[in-house]
């Protein structure tokens, strides 16, 4: 799952209660992995951000594989359970009262228990992946913050142009060179509220800003800071060397050339295609099992179109390094899904059910609970059905009695007169008065 827009949220993630420590831990671990990969490539003579991103993506996909495996198992179990789940949903389709909703929930829970799974088993892997996805985009967008060997290149430039004191001039440079979106991501280099950020924080913003410059912008930066031109030109050459991948500069965004087609357009196009292919393959079995009229299936089809288009848009707007990560991630997911489909394709539903039941019973044993009794669960469902049938029967009998009383009353008060006429109404009043007078007597 690739949601590049999440990258825009990462700057606020650490402020979320309880999520902050988890976020910091994940970012630190993944940052160490990224640094180790780049150092390894540097030692073998190929220090390249593109290769580092691809290897980094491979490592993270391996780390996330257990959650993908669990999610695939959950999807397959849902296929086995689908007939019973759908029958329950149809049973309570037009019932919105609290008792019916509670009964539906209980019956659904009983079915999940019968198959040794839970309602949250399919969502849990996705929830576990979210912090890692946040961290991945943060690291890819701010590589100098996590790779010291890369950071030192930009630190020299930062020092030569005046450090934190150069922030205001860099803001002017950014505004005149179509870098306002970069300024927003970097809090305007701390210049919107100078009292809020320390000198070290401003220098970090400057380093992240310099990392996003493309070759043409490096040249203009040298003209803006002539006193540091030699240092800037040296850093620009190194930056171009480590950011060059298959003839593309990964710090350059395809949108920097406007709507004029260039080779950089391959990045968003490939990102969209690989996103579409991996998503289609991942949902292939689920879509095959789903009814074409099912609302969730229709929604999934819409997402299969919308998400690749979002991939194209975001990868067109961001630096090509982000697009490379997206393409690599989708390709690895594609390969992973082929392997998972092959693996689960060899297993029958009965085998998967037995494995799921065995694991569920092992968990129950650790809690001191007895194994799942399928007959007991079936009896529980049947008992609930009997109670619902009895309640429905009582309700219908009450309605029938009320209808009989209403009919008798209507016939009594409308005798010898055309129903709805003035005579019938007068007759109704007369009979009512006579009835009350008899009671008095």
Protein backbone atom coordinates (compact mmCIF):
# COMPACT_ATOMS: atom_id res chain seq x y z
CA UNK A 1 0.00 0.00 0.00
CA UNK A 2 1.48 3.28 -1.12
CA UNK A 3 0.01 6.56 0.13
CA UNK A 4 2.49 9.26 -0.72
CA UNK A 5 0.24 11.95 0.74
CA UNK A 6 1.04 10.47 4.15
CA UNK A 7 4.48 12.00 3.80
CA UNK A 8 2.93 15.41 4.32
CA UNK A 9 1.58 14.27 7.67
CA UNK A 10 4.78 12.87 9.13
CA UNK A 11 5.99 16.20 10.47
CA UNK A 12 3.10 16.16 12.95
CA UNK A 13 3.08 12.45 13.77
CA UNK A 14 5.48 12.65 16.69
CA UNK A 15 3.08 15.03 18.45
CA UNK A 16 0.35 12.39 18.67
CA UNK A 17 0.14 10.93 22.23
CA UNK A 18 1.51 7.39 22.54
CA UNK A 19 2.29 7.30 18.81
CA UNK A 20 5.27 9.65 19.17
CA UNK A 21 7.60 7.18 20.97
CA UNK A 22 6.68 4.39 18.55
CA UNK A 23 7.24 6.74 15.62
CA UNK A 24 10.65 7.85 16.89
CA UNK A 25 11.75 4.26 17.49
CA UNK A 26 10.69 3.09 14.01
CA UNK A 27 12.29 6.10 12.30
CA UNK A 28 15.53 5.54 14.22
CA UNK A 29 15.71 1.85 13.31
CA UNK A 30 14.88 2.40 9.64
CA UNK A 31 17.31 5.34 9.52
CA UNK A 32 20.10 3.07 10.76
CA UNK A 33 19.21 0.54 8.07
CA UNK A 34 19.30 3.22 5.37
CA UNK A 35 22.65 4.48 6.62
CA UNK A 36 24.10 0.95 6.74
CA UNK A 37 23.02 0.33 3.13
CA UNK A 38 24.55 3.56 1.88
CA UNK A 39 27.81 2.96 3.81
CA UNK A 40 28.01 -0.53 2.29
CA UNK A 41 27.54 0.87 -1.24
CA UNK A 42 30.12 3.57 -0.51
CA UNK A 43 32.69 1.01 0.60
CA UNK A 44 32.29 -1.06 -2.55
CA UNK A 45 32.70 2.08 -4.67
CA UNK A 46 29.11 2.79 -5.77
CA UNK A 47 27.74 5.46 -3.40
CA UNK A 48 24.37 6.01 -5.02
CA UNK A 49 21.09 7.19 -3.50
CA UNK A 50 19.04 5.34 -6.13
CA UNK A 51 20.58 1.94 -5.34
CA UNK A 52 20.32 2.69 -1.62
CA UNK A 53 16.60 3.45 -1.99
CA UNK A 54 15.97 0.21 -3.91
CA UNK A 55 17.84 -1.93 -1.37
CA UNK A 56 16.18 -0.05 1.49
CA UNK A 57 12.78 -0.77 -0.06
CA UNK A 58 13.66 -4.46 -0.36
CA UNK A 59 14.65 -4.64 3.31
CA UNK A 60 11.45 -2.91 4.47
CA UNK A 61 9.29 -5.20 2.33
CA UNK A 62 10.98 -8.18 3.98
CA UNK A 63 10.31 -6.67 7.40
CA UNK A 64 6.65 -6.17 6.49
CA UNK A 65 6.24 -9.63 4.97
CA UNK A 66 4.76 -11.26 8.14
CA UNK A 67 1.95 -8.68 8.18
CA UNK A 68 1.29 -9.25 4.47
CA UNK A 69 1.17 -13.01 5.07
CA UNK A 70 -1.33 -12.58 7.91
CA UNK A 71 -3.45 -10.25 5.83
CA UNK A 72 -3.52 -12.74 2.95
CA UNK A 73 -4.56 -15.54 5.31
CA UNK A 74 -7.33 -13.37 6.68
CA UNK A 75 -8.57 -12.58 3.16
CA UNK A 76 -8.66 -16.28 2.27
CA UNK A 77 -10.56 -17.13 5.47
CA UNK A 78 -13.07 -14.40 4.62
CA UNK A 79 -13.76 -16.22 1.35
CA UNK A 80 -14.53 -19.41 3.28
CA UNK A 81 -16.77 -17.54 5.73
CA UNK A 82 -18.43 -15.32 3.14
CA UNK A 83 -21.57 -17.45 2.53
CA UNK A 84 -22.44 -17.51 6.25
CA UNK A 85 -21.54 -13.84 6.76
CA UNK A 86 -23.65 -12.83 3.78
CA UNK A 87 -26.59 -14.94 5.01
CA UNK A 88 -26.52 -13.11 8.35
CA UNK A 89 -26.32 -9.73 6.62
CA UNK A 90 -29.31 -10.61 4.41
CA UNK A 91 -31.23 -11.84 7.45
CA UNK A 92 -30.93 -8.45 9.17
CA UNK A 93 -30.87 -6.35 6.01
CA UNK A 94 -33.97 -4.23 6.72
CA UNK A 95 -33.79 -4.31 10.51
CA UNK A 96 -32.31 -1.25 12.19
CA UNK A 97 -33.65 -1.63 15.74
CA UNK A 98 -31.13 -2.03 18.53
CA UNK A 99 -32.11 -5.64 19.35
CA UNK A 100 -31.64 -6.77 15.75
CA UNK A 101 -28.30 -4.99 15.45
CA UNK A 102 -27.06 -6.59 18.67
CA UNK A 103 -28.25 -10.00 17.49
CA UNK A 104 -26.50 -9.57 14.14
CA UNK A 105 -23.27 -8.60 15.89
CA UNK A 106 -23.48 -11.63 18.17
CA UNK A 107 -24.16 -14.03 15.29
CA UNK A 108 -21.27 -12.56 13.28
CA UNK A 109 -18.96 -12.97 16.27
CA UNK A 110 -20.07 -16.57 16.65
CA UNK A 111 -19.23 -17.31 13.00
CA UNK A 112 -15.76 -15.77 13.38
CA UNK A 113 -15.25 -17.87 16.52
CA UNK A 114 -16.35 -20.96 14.62
CA UNK A 115 -13.59 -20.42 12.06
CA UNK A 116 -10.93 -19.55 14.62
CA UNK A 117 -10.49 -15.92 13.54
CA UNK A 118 -11.74 -12.47 14.57
CA UNK A 119 -13.35 -9.40 13.04
CA UNK A 120 -10.16 -7.35 13.42
CA UNK A 121 -7.70 -9.91 12.04
CA UNK A 122 -7.79 -8.39 8.54
CA UNK A 123 -7.38 -4.80 9.73
CA UNK A 124 -4.60 -5.40 12.26
CA UNK A 125 -1.81 -5.97 9.68
CA UNK A 126 -2.71 -2.68 7.98
CA UNK A 127 -2.68 -0.82 11.30
CA UNK A 128 0.75 -2.27 12.09
CA UNK A 129 2.08 -1.12 8.73
CA UNK A 130 0.97 2.51 9.12
CA UNK A 131 3.80 3.70 11.43
CA UNK A 132 6.35 2.06 9.14
CA UNK A 133 4.84 3.71 6.06
CA UNK A 134 5.00 7.11 7.79
CA UNK A 135 8.64 6.51 8.68
CA UNK A 136 9.61 5.31 5.20
CA UNK A 137 8.49 8.47 3.47
CA UNK A 138 10.09 10.62 6.13
CA UNK A 139 13.47 8.95 5.60
CA UNK A 140 13.31 8.98 1.79
CA UNK A 141 12.42 12.70 1.78
CA UNK A 142 15.12 13.61 4.34
CA UNK A 143 18.04 11.29 3.59
CA UNK A 144 20.75 13.68 4.92
CA UNK A 145 19.11 13.53 8.34
CA UNK A 146 19.68 9.75 8.50
CA UNK A 147 22.81 9.18 6.37
CA UNK A 148 25.84 11.07 7.81
CA UNK A 149 27.92 10.37 4.70
CA UNK A 150 25.38 12.28 2.63
CA UNK A 151 24.76 14.97 5.23
CA UNK A 152 28.42 16.06 5.31
CA UNK A 153 28.18 17.18 1.66
CA UNK A 154 25.43 19.66 2.47
CA UNK A 155 26.86 20.69 5.85
CA UNK A 156 29.90 22.17 4.09
CA UNK A 157 27.66 24.28 1.88
CA UNK A 158 25.55 25.37 4.85
CA UNK A 159 28.64 26.51 6.75
CA UNK A 160 30.14 28.32 3.74
CA UNK A 161 27.01 30.42 3.07
CA UNK A 162 26.64 31.50 6.70
CA UNK A 163 24.76 28.69 8.46
CA UNK A 164 21.49 29.68 10.14
CA UNK A 165 22.10 33.33 9.28
CA UNK A 166 21.65 32.52 5.58
CA UNK A 167 18.08 31.26 6.07
CA UNK A 168 16.36 34.55 5.16
CA UNK A 169 18.40 34.91 1.97
CA UNK A 170 17.64 31.27 1.05
CA UNK A 171 13.93 32.01 1.46
CA UNK A 172 14.28 34.82 -1.09
CA UNK A 173 16.22 32.45 -3.35
CA UNK A 174 13.48 29.80 -3.03
CA UNK A 175 10.67 32.26 -3.80
CA UNK A 176 12.42 33.42 -6.96
CA UNK A 177 13.19 29.86 -8.14
CA UNK A 178 9.81 28.15 -7.79
CA UNK A 179 10.65 26.37 -4.52
CA UNK A 180 7.77 27.66 -2.40
CA UNK A 181 6.30 24.17 -1.94
CA UNK A 182 9.64 23.01 -0.54
CA UNK A 183 9.63 25.95 1.86
CA UNK A 184 6.21 24.90 3.16
CA UNK A 185 7.44 21.39 3.91
CA UNK A 186 10.45 22.85 5.73
CA UNK A 187 8.50 25.37 7.83
CA UNK A 188 9.80 28.26 5.70
CA UNK A 189 13.31 27.41 7.00
CA UNK A 190 12.11 28.54 10.42
CA UNK A 191 11.69 32.15 9.29
CA UNK A 192 7.94 32.38 9.82
CA UNK A 193 8.56 32.26 13.59
CA UNK A 194 12.31 32.71 14.30
CA UNK A 195 11.81 32.47 18.09
CA UNK A 196 10.33 28.99 17.74
CA UNK A 197 13.39 27.31 16.18
CA UNK A 198 16.97 27.10 17.43
CA UNK A 199 20.01 27.72 15.21
CA UNK A 200 20.57 23.94 14.94
CA UNK A 201 16.98 23.40 13.82
CA UNK A 202 17.32 26.11 11.16
CA UNK A 203 20.57 24.53 9.91
CA UNK A 204 18.75 21.18 9.61
CA UNK A 205 16.05 22.88 7.55
CA UNK A 206 18.74 24.41 5.31
CA UNK A 207 20.44 21.01 4.79
CA UNK A 208 17.11 19.41 3.87
CA UNK A 209 16.47 22.33 1.52
CA UNK A 210 19.84 21.95 -0.19
CA UNK A 211 19.23 18.21 -0.65
CA UNK A 212 16.15 18.99 -2.75
CA UNK A 213 17.97 21.24 -5.26
CA UNK A 214 18.41 20.03 -8.82
CA UNK A 215 21.55 20.80 -10.93
CA UNK A 216 20.07 23.98 -12.45
CA UNK A 217 19.13 25.29 -9.02
CA UNK A 218 22.63 24.53 -7.69
CA UNK A 219 24.04 26.74 -10.42
CA UNK A 220 21.71 29.60 -9.46
CA UNK A 221 22.60 29.09 -5.79
CA UNK A 222 26.28 29.58 -6.68
CA UNK A 223 25.38 32.89 -8.32
CA UNK A 224 23.41 33.99 -5.22
CA UNK A 225 26.34 33.21 -2.89
CA UNK A 226 29.47 34.10 -4.93
CA UNK A 227 31.69 34.04 -1.80
CA UNK A 228 30.97 30.29 -1.45
CA UNK A 229 30.81 29.42 -5.15
CA UNK A 230 33.73 26.95 -5.09
CA UNK A 231 32.25 24.99 -2.18
CA UNK A 232 28.80 25.05 -3.78
CA UNK A 233 30.12 23.84 -7.15
CA UNK A 234 32.06 21.01 -5.49
CA UNK A 235 29.00 19.95 -3.50
CA UNK A 236 26.83 20.18 -6.61
CA UNK A 237 29.10 17.71 -8.44
CA UNK A 238 29.02 15.27 -5.52
CA UNK A 239 25.26 15.66 -5.14
CA UNK A 240 24.76 15.03 -8.84
CA UNK A 241 26.98 11.94 -8.66
CA UNK A 242 25.17 10.29 -5.74
CA UNK A 243 21.69 11.31 -7.00
CA UNK A 244 22.21 10.17 -10.58
CA UNK A 245 20.32 6.98 -11.42
CA UNK A 246 19.93 5.67 -14.98
CA UNK A 247 20.50 9.16 -16.32
CA UNK A 248 17.96 10.79 -13.97
CA UNK A 249 18.74 13.14 -11.12
CA UNK A 250 16.68 11.90 -8.20
CA UNK A 251 16.48 15.34 -6.61
CA UNK A 252 14.65 16.66 -9.70
CA UNK A 253 10.86 16.56 -9.75
CA UNK A 254 9.19 15.80 -13.11
CA UNK A 255 7.02 18.87 -12.54
CA UNK A 256 10.10 21.14 -12.56
CA UNK A 257 9.94 21.07 -16.37
CA UNK A 258 6.28 22.07 -16.40
CA UNK A 259 4.01 20.19 -18.79
CA UNK A 260 6.79 19.74 -21.34
CA UNK A 261 7.33 15.94 -21.73
CA UNK A 262 10.78 14.79 -20.61
CA UNK A 263 12.42 11.51 -19.65
CA UNK A 264 11.44 12.30 -16.04
CA UNK A 265 7.82 11.59 -16.98
CA UNK A 266 8.75 7.89 -16.94
CA UNK A 267 8.85 8.05 -13.13
CA UNK A 268 5.15 8.94 -12.52
CA UNK A 269 4.01 6.75 -15.44
CA UNK A 270 5.86 3.68 -14.13
CA UNK A 271 4.70 4.50 -10.59
CA UNK A 272 1.07 4.48 -11.72
CA UNK A 273 1.42 1.28 -13.76
CA UNK A 274 3.23 -0.68 -11.06
CA UNK A 275 0.77 0.57 -8.42
CA UNK A 276 -2.13 -0.58 -10.58
CA UNK A 277 -0.58 -4.00 -11.31
CA UNK A 278 0.30 -4.74 -7.67
CA UNK A 279 -3.13 -3.63 -6.43
CA UNK A 280 -5.00 -5.72 -9.02
CA UNK A 281 -2.94 -8.80 -8.24
CA UNK A 282 -3.26 -8.33 -4.47
CA UNK A 283 -7.06 -8.18 -4.72
CA UNK A 284 -7.45 -10.79 -7.43
CA UNK A 285 -8.66 -13.59 -5.19
CA UNK A 286 -10.91 -11.29 -3.14
CA UNK A 287 -12.53 -9.82 -6.26
CA UNK A 288 -13.06 -13.32 -7.68
CA UNK A 289 -14.91 -14.35 -4.53
CA UNK A 290 -16.94 -11.15 -4.25
CA UNK A 291 -20.32 -10.66 -5.87
CA UNK A 292 -20.16 -8.10 -8.66
CA UNK A 293 -23.13 -6.25 -7.15
CA UNK A 294 -21.54 -6.08 -3.71
CA UNK A 295 -20.96 -2.47 -2.63
CA UNK A 296 -17.49 -3.16 -1.22
CA UNK A 297 -16.44 -4.84 -4.47
CA UNK A 298 -17.59 -1.81 -6.46
CA UNK A 299 -15.71 0.49 -4.10
CA UNK A 300 -12.58 -1.63 -4.50
CA UNK A 301 -12.82 -1.34 -8.28
CA UNK A 302 -12.99 2.44 -7.96
CA UNK A 303 -9.94 2.46 -5.70
CA UNK A 304 -8.05 0.39 -8.27
CA UNK A 305 -8.46 3.29 -10.68
CA UNK A 306 -8.11 6.19 -8.27
CA UNK A 307 -4.95 5.05 -6.43
CA UNK A 308 -2.76 4.67 -9.57
CA UNK A 309 -3.91 8.12 -10.73
CA UNK A 310 -2.93 9.52 -7.34
CA UNK A 311 0.45 7.81 -7.74
CA UNK A 312 0.99 9.58 -11.05
CA UNK A 313 0.03 12.96 -9.60
CA UNK A 314 2.19 12.76 -6.47
CA UNK A 315 5.22 11.29 -8.25
CA UNK A 316 4.94 14.06 -10.82
CA UNK A 317 5.00 16.68 -8.06
CA UNK A 318 7.70 15.26 -5.75
CA UNK A 319 11.40 14.63 -6.34
CA UNK A 320 12.14 11.59 -8.51
CA UNK A 321 13.71 9.78 -5.54
CA UNK A 322 10.25 9.42 -4.02
CA UNK A 323 8.94 8.08 -7.35
CA UNK A 324 11.80 5.57 -7.49
CA UNK A 325 10.90 4.34 -4.01
CA UNK A 326 7.25 4.02 -5.04
CA UNK A 327 8.12 2.02 -8.18
CA UNK A 328 10.51 -0.27 -6.30
CA UNK A 329 7.96 -0.82 -3.53
CA UNK A 330 5.20 -1.71 -6.01
CA UNK A 331 7.49 -4.09 -7.92
CA UNK A 332 8.55 -5.89 -4.74
CA UNK A 333 4.91 -6.07 -3.65
CA UNK A 334 4.06 -7.51 -7.07
CA UNK A 335 6.68 -10.26 -6.70
CA UNK A 336 5.61 -10.88 -3.10
CA UNK A 337 1.96 -11.19 -4.09
CA UNK A 338 2.77 -13.66 -6.87
CA UNK A 339 4.59 -15.79 -4.31
CA UNK A 340 1.71 -15.54 -1.81
CA UNK A 341 -0.89 -16.39 -4.45
CA UNK A 342 1.16 -19.43 -5.47
CA UNK A 343 1.63 -20.49 -1.84
CA UNK A 344 -2.04 -20.17 -0.88
CA UNK A 345 -3.15 -21.59 -4.21
CA UNK A 346 -1.70 -24.95 -3.17
CA UNK A 347 -3.78 -25.04 0.03
CA UNK A 348 -7.41 -26.09 0.14
CA UNK A 349 -9.96 -24.25 2.21
CA UNK A 350 -10.13 -27.22 4.57
CA UNK A 351 -6.37 -27.10 5.17
CA UNK A 352 -6.47 -23.38 5.88
CA UNK A 353 -9.42 -23.86 8.22
CA UNK A 354 -7.58 -26.57 10.16
CA UNK A 355 -4.49 -24.37 10.48
CA UNK A 356 -6.59 -21.43 11.65
CA UNK A 357 -8.44 -23.58 14.19
CA UNK A 358 -5.17 -25.06 15.48
CA UNK A 359 -3.70 -21.59 16.08
CA UNK A 360 -6.91 -20.32 17.68
CA UNK A 361 -7.02 -23.32 20.03
CA UNK A 362 -3.34 -22.80 20.92
CA UNK A 363 -4.13 -19.21 21.89
CA UNK A 364 -7.11 -20.36 23.94
CA UNK A 365 -4.97 -22.98 25.68
CA UNK A 366 -2.49 -20.29 26.76
CA UNK A 367 -5.40 -18.39 28.30
CA UNK A 368 -6.66 -21.50 30.05
CA UNK A 369 -9.75 -21.78 27.81
CA UNK A 370 -11.13 -25.01 26.28
CA UNK A 371 -10.76 -25.68 22.52
CA UNK A 372 -13.34 -24.26 20.13
CA UNK A 373 -16.36 -26.56 19.92
CA UNK A 374 -17.91 -26.15 16.48
CA UNK A 375 -21.12 -27.90 17.57
CA UNK A 376 -21.45 -25.57 20.55
CA UNK A 377 -21.05 -22.58 18.29
CA UNK A 378 -23.66 -23.97 15.87
CA UNK A 379 -26.03 -24.61 18.78
CA UNK A 380 -25.44 -21.04 19.98
CA UNK A 381 -26.37 -19.68 16.57
CA UNK A 382 -29.45 -21.94 16.39
CA UNK A 383 -30.53 -20.86 19.89
CA UNK A 384 -30.22 -17.21 18.89
CA UNK A 385 -32.24 -17.92 15.75
CA UNK A 386 -34.98 -19.62 17.82
CA UNK A 387 -35.18 -16.59 20.15
CA UNK A 388 -35.42 -14.22 17.20
CA UNK A 389 -38.13 -16.40 15.59
CA UNK A 390 -40.13 -16.51 18.84
CA UNK A 391 -39.87 -12.72 19.27
CA UNK A 392 -40.97 -12.21 15.65
CA UNK A 393 -43.89 -14.62 16.09
CA UNK A 394 -45.06 -12.79 19.24
CA UNK A 395 -44.82 -9.46 17.44
CA UNK A 396 -46.89 -10.71 14.49
CA UNK A 397 -49.55 -12.18 16.85
CA UNK A 398 -49.84 -8.83 18.66
CA UNK A 399 -50.25 -7.02 15.34
CA UNK A 400 -52.91 -9.54 14.23
CA UNK A 401 -54.93 -9.09 17.45
CA UNK A 402 -54.77 -5.33 17.09
CA UNK A 403 -55.99 -5.57 13.50
CA UNK A 404 -58.95 -7.72 14.61
CA UNK A 405 -59.94 -5.22 17.32
CA UNK A 406 -59.68 -2.33 14.87
CA UNK A 407 -61.84 -4.15 12.32
CA UNK A 408 -64.52 -5.04 14.89
CA UNK A 409 -64.65 -1.47 16.15
CA UNK A 410 -64.94 -0.07 12.65
CA UNK A 411 -67.74 -2.49 11.71
CA UNK A 412 -69.64 -1.71 14.92
CA UNK A 413 -69.55 2.05 14.54
CA UNK A 414 -70.26 2.04 10.79
CA UNK A 415 -73.18 -0.39 10.70
CA UNK A 416 -76.14 0.58 8.48
CA UNK A 417 -74.23 3.51 6.98
CA UNK A 418 -71.88 4.08 4.12
CA UNK A 419 -68.34 4.11 5.46
CA UNK A 420 -66.89 7.60 5.58
CA UNK A 421 -70.22 9.38 5.10
CA UNK A 422 -71.77 11.97 7.44
CA UNK A 423 -74.38 9.42 8.39
CA UNK A 424 -71.77 6.94 9.48
CA UNK A 425 -70.10 9.55 11.63
CA UNK A 426 -73.40 10.58 13.22
CA UNK A 427 -74.24 6.93 13.78
CA UNK A 428 -70.82 6.45 15.41
CA UNK A 429 -71.55 9.28 17.88
CA UNK A 430 -75.05 7.87 18.62
CA UNK A 431 -73.79 4.36 19.28
CA UNK A 432 -71.02 5.71 21.44
CA UNK A 433 -73.50 7.69 23.57
CA UNK A 434 -75.84 4.70 23.86
CA UNK A 435 -72.97 2.51 24.94
CA UNK A 436 -71.93 4.98 27.65
CA UNK A 437 -75.56 5.40 28.89
CA UNK A 438 -75.91 1.61 29.30
CA UNK A 439 -72.76 1.60 31.40
CA UNK A 440 -74.23 4.30 33.67
CA UNK A 441 -77.42 2.35 34.14
